[in-house]
Amino acid sequence: MQTRRRTTTAVHERGAHPAIRIPVERIIAERRWIHALVTAGGVPPRDREDVVQAVIMAAWMAVEEGRYRPDASIEPRRALLGWLYGIIRRKVGHHCNRACVRRELPVADPWSVQPEPPRDDEFVEARERLLAVRLALPRLPQPDQEILALRAVGHGIRDIARALGMPSSTAVRQINRARTKLRILLRR
């Protein structure tokens, strides 16, 4: 039996695009964006600056080694951000999976350790936050309520965009705006 051989496109072949050397200042100019993605990735506040520096150093070293090969048909900043996004995801993932970050405590008999029961004040705070959200939601416009409800039950961005008939980027913007409006209502 003859098997079909998978062919790759020129985009996936190594060396399809020439290596480009960009100045480190272009990477540093995206520092705020990098910091925002590191924060969104769940890095604790005490470690964020370290991870941002690790991302910038890794990107700069990759450029120096000739591993930055953007597609010439893509706008330069967008290509840079897409490339940096991959580096950020790897660095954040590596950081969050380190034992010292997870705060693992070695014990002689792990099966003997019992989790601490939640404190009563944690339940009270959680109930108060839930009540505040329930009271604030009806004061939002109907489209904002719908999009937040879809997101809250676990639908992904693409599913929400498809359901509401809009591009994914628009769905992301509307979710963020609705969340901002809800935060403002909760502060009052």
Protein backbone atom coordinates (compact mmCIF):
# COMPACT_ATOMS: atom_id res chain seq x y z
CA MET A 1 0.00 0.00 0.00
CA GLN A 2 1.36 3.33 -1.01
CA THR A 3 1.15 6.19 1.50
CA ARG A 4 0.81 9.81 0.61
CA ARG A 5 3.69 11.95 1.59
CA ARG A 6 2.86 15.18 3.31
CA THR A 7 4.23 18.20 1.53
CA THR A 8 5.07 21.39 3.34
CA THR A 9 4.56 24.88 2.11
CA ALA A 10 7.40 27.31 1.74
CA VAL A 11 6.32 29.09 4.92
CA HIS A 12 7.09 26.03 7.08
CA GLU A 13 10.43 25.21 5.53
CA ARG A 14 13.49 26.37 7.42
CA GLY A 15 15.03 29.34 5.75
CA ALA A 16 11.93 30.25 3.73
CA HIS A 17 12.30 33.83 4.90
CA PRO A 18 15.61 35.59 5.34
CA ALA A 19 16.84 36.40 8.84
CA ILE A 20 16.38 40.03 9.79
CA ARG A 21 18.41 41.88 12.38
CA ILE A 22 16.39 44.47 14.20
CA PRO A 23 17.75 46.82 16.84
CA VAL A 24 17.08 45.83 20.44
CA GLU A 25 15.28 49.16 20.86
CA ARG A 26 12.38 47.83 18.74
CA ILE A 27 11.95 44.97 21.19
CA ILE A 28 12.25 47.26 24.21
CA ALA A 29 9.64 49.58 22.68
CA GLU A 30 7.10 46.77 23.16
CA ARG A 31 7.86 46.48 26.89
CA ARG A 32 4.41 47.60 28.05
CA TRP A 33 2.74 45.05 25.75
CA ILE A 34 5.11 42.33 26.97
CA HIS A 35 4.38 43.29 30.58
CA ALA A 36 0.61 43.12 29.95
CA LEU A 37 0.88 39.61 28.48
CA VAL A 38 3.14 38.45 31.30
CA THR A 39 0.55 39.75 33.78
CA ALA A 40 -2.27 38.06 31.88
CA GLY A 41 -0.27 34.84 31.92
CA GLY A 42 -0.60 34.63 35.70
CA VAL A 43 2.93 35.55 36.72
CA PRO A 44 2.90 36.80 40.34
CA PRO A 45 3.63 40.53 40.77
CA ARG A 46 6.94 39.84 42.52
CA ASP A 47 8.28 38.02 39.42
CA ARG A 48 6.82 40.05 36.53
CA GLU A 49 9.80 42.30 35.90
CA ASP A 50 12.14 39.31 35.90
CA VAL A 51 10.02 37.49 33.32
CA VAL A 52 9.74 40.65 31.16
CA GLN A 53 13.54 40.94 31.22
CA ALA A 54 13.88 37.25 30.34
CA VAL A 55 11.55 37.73 27.35
CA ILE A 56 13.48 40.76 26.10
CA MET A 57 16.82 38.96 26.49
CA ALA A 58 15.56 35.81 24.77
CA ALA A 59 14.17 37.83 21.87
CA TRP A 60 17.35 39.86 21.50
CA MET A 61 19.54 36.74 21.59
CA ALA A 62 17.32 35.07 18.98
CA VAL A 63 17.67 38.11 16.71
CA GLU A 64 21.45 38.06 17.18
CA GLU A 65 21.51 34.34 16.29
CA GLY A 66 19.50 34.96 13.11
CA ARG A 67 16.30 33.26 14.29
CA TYR A 68 14.00 36.22 13.59
CA ARG A 69 12.62 35.45 10.13
CA PRO A 70 9.37 37.37 9.60
CA ASP A 71 7.20 37.00 6.55
CA ALA A 72 7.78 40.06 4.35
CA SER A 73 4.09 40.18 3.42
CA ILE A 74 3.09 40.93 7.04
CA GLU A 75 3.30 44.43 8.49
CA PRO A 76 6.62 44.63 10.44
CA ARG A 77 5.19 45.48 13.88
CA ARG A 78 2.53 42.80 13.61
CA ALA A 79 5.16 40.22 12.63
CA LEU A 80 7.33 41.28 15.57
CA LEU A 81 4.41 41.06 18.03
CA GLY A 82 3.42 37.63 16.74
CA TRP A 83 6.97 36.39 17.14
CA LEU A 84 7.30 37.94 20.61
CA TYR A 85 3.99 36.34 21.62
CA GLY A 86 5.49 32.89 21.18
CA ILE A 87 8.52 33.81 23.28
CA ILE A 88 6.29 35.29 25.99
CA ARG A 89 4.12 32.16 26.15
CA ARG A 90 7.17 29.93 26.53
CA LYS A 91 8.83 32.10 29.17
CA VAL A 92 5.60 32.50 31.18
CA GLY A 93 4.89 28.77 30.96
CA HIS A 94 8.40 27.86 32.06
CA HIS A 95 8.26 30.35 34.90
CA CYS A 96 4.86 29.28 36.22
CA ASN A 97 5.82 25.59 36.15
CA ARG A 98 8.96 26.04 38.23
CA ALA A 99 8.72 24.42 41.65
CA CYS A 100 9.87 27.55 43.46
CA VAL A 101 7.01 29.50 41.87
CA ARG A 102 4.39 26.84 42.58
CA ARG A 103 5.49 26.94 46.21
CA GLU A 104 5.67 23.21 46.60
CA LEU A 105 6.59 22.03 50.05
CA PRO A 106 8.23 18.61 50.20
CA VAL A 107 6.88 16.38 52.95
CA ALA A 108 7.87 12.89 54.05
CA ASP A 109 4.38 11.42 53.63
CA PRO A 110 2.38 13.35 51.00
CA TRP A 111 -0.78 11.28 51.61
CA SER A 112 -0.93 12.45 55.22
CA VAL A 113 -1.26 16.13 54.29
CA GLN A 114 -4.83 17.41 54.45
CA PRO A 115 -5.86 20.65 52.75
CA GLU A 116 -6.88 23.44 55.06
CA PRO A 117 -10.62 24.01 55.16
CA PRO A 118 -11.69 27.39 53.79
CA ARG A 119 -12.21 30.08 56.38
CA ASP A 120 -15.69 31.45 57.01
CA ASP A 121 -14.63 34.98 56.07
CA GLU A 122 -13.56 33.69 52.61
CA PHE A 123 -17.09 32.36 52.06
CA VAL A 124 -18.60 35.65 53.21
CA GLU A 125 -16.34 37.67 50.90
CA ALA A 126 -17.15 35.38 47.96
CA ARG A 127 -20.91 35.67 48.61
CA GLU A 128 -20.64 39.47 48.85
CA ARG A 129 -18.73 39.66 45.55
CA LEU A 130 -21.27 37.39 43.85
CA LEU A 131 -24.16 39.50 45.16
CA ALA A 132 -22.45 42.68 43.96
CA VAL A 133 -22.02 41.20 40.46
CA ARG A 134 -25.64 40.01 40.39
CA LEU A 135 -26.85 43.50 41.29
CA ALA A 136 -24.55 45.22 38.78
CA LEU A 137 -25.26 42.97 35.77
CA PRO A 138 -28.83 44.20 35.12
CA ARG A 139 -27.52 47.77 34.93
CA LEU A 140 -25.36 46.87 31.93
CA PRO A 141 -26.74 47.18 28.38
CA GLN A 142 -28.27 43.94 27.03
CA PRO A 143 -25.45 43.22 24.49
CA ASP A 144 -22.87 43.50 27.28
CA GLN A 145 -24.88 41.14 29.49
CA GLU A 146 -25.09 38.59 26.67
CA ILE A 147 -21.42 38.64 25.81
CA LEU A 148 -20.36 38.39 29.46
CA ALA A 149 -22.79 35.53 30.03
CA LEU A 150 -21.38 33.62 27.05
CA ARG A 151 -17.85 34.13 28.33
CA ALA A 152 -18.79 33.22 31.91
CA VAL A 153 -20.20 29.83 30.94
CA GLY A 154 -16.96 28.95 29.20
CA HIS A 155 -17.43 29.78 25.52
CA GLY A 156 -14.24 30.66 23.68
CA ILE A 157 -13.66 33.87 21.75
CA ARG A 158 -14.20 32.21 18.37
CA ASP A 159 -17.47 30.62 19.53
CA ILE A 160 -18.74 33.96 20.83
CA ALA A 161 -17.71 35.76 17.66
CA ARG A 162 -19.44 33.13 15.52
CA ALA A 163 -22.60 33.24 17.66
CA LEU A 164 -22.81 37.04 17.49
CA GLY A 165 -21.71 37.28 13.85
CA MET A 166 -18.60 39.37 14.32
CA PRO A 167 -14.84 39.05 13.87
CA SER A 168 -12.88 37.59 16.79
CA SER A 169 -11.01 40.85 17.36
CA THR A 170 -14.31 42.71 17.73
CA ALA A 171 -15.56 40.10 20.20
CA VAL A 172 -12.40 40.52 22.29
CA ARG A 173 -12.83 44.31 22.31
CA GLN A 174 -16.49 44.06 23.30
CA ILE A 175 -15.75 41.57 26.09
CA ASN A 176 -13.05 43.87 27.45
CA ARG A 177 -15.35 46.90 27.26
CA ALA A 178 -18.16 45.01 29.01
CA ARG A 179 -15.77 43.88 31.75
CA THR A 180 -14.56 47.46 32.20
CA LYS A 181 -18.13 48.72 32.49
CA LEU A 182 -18.88 45.99 35.05
CA ARG A 183 -15.76 46.90 37.06
CA ILE A 184 -16.83 50.55 37.12
CA LEU A 185 -20.29 49.58 38.36
CA LEU A 186 -18.78 47.36 41.06
CA ARG A 187 -16.60 50.21 42.35
CA ARG A 188 -19.61 52.48 42.94
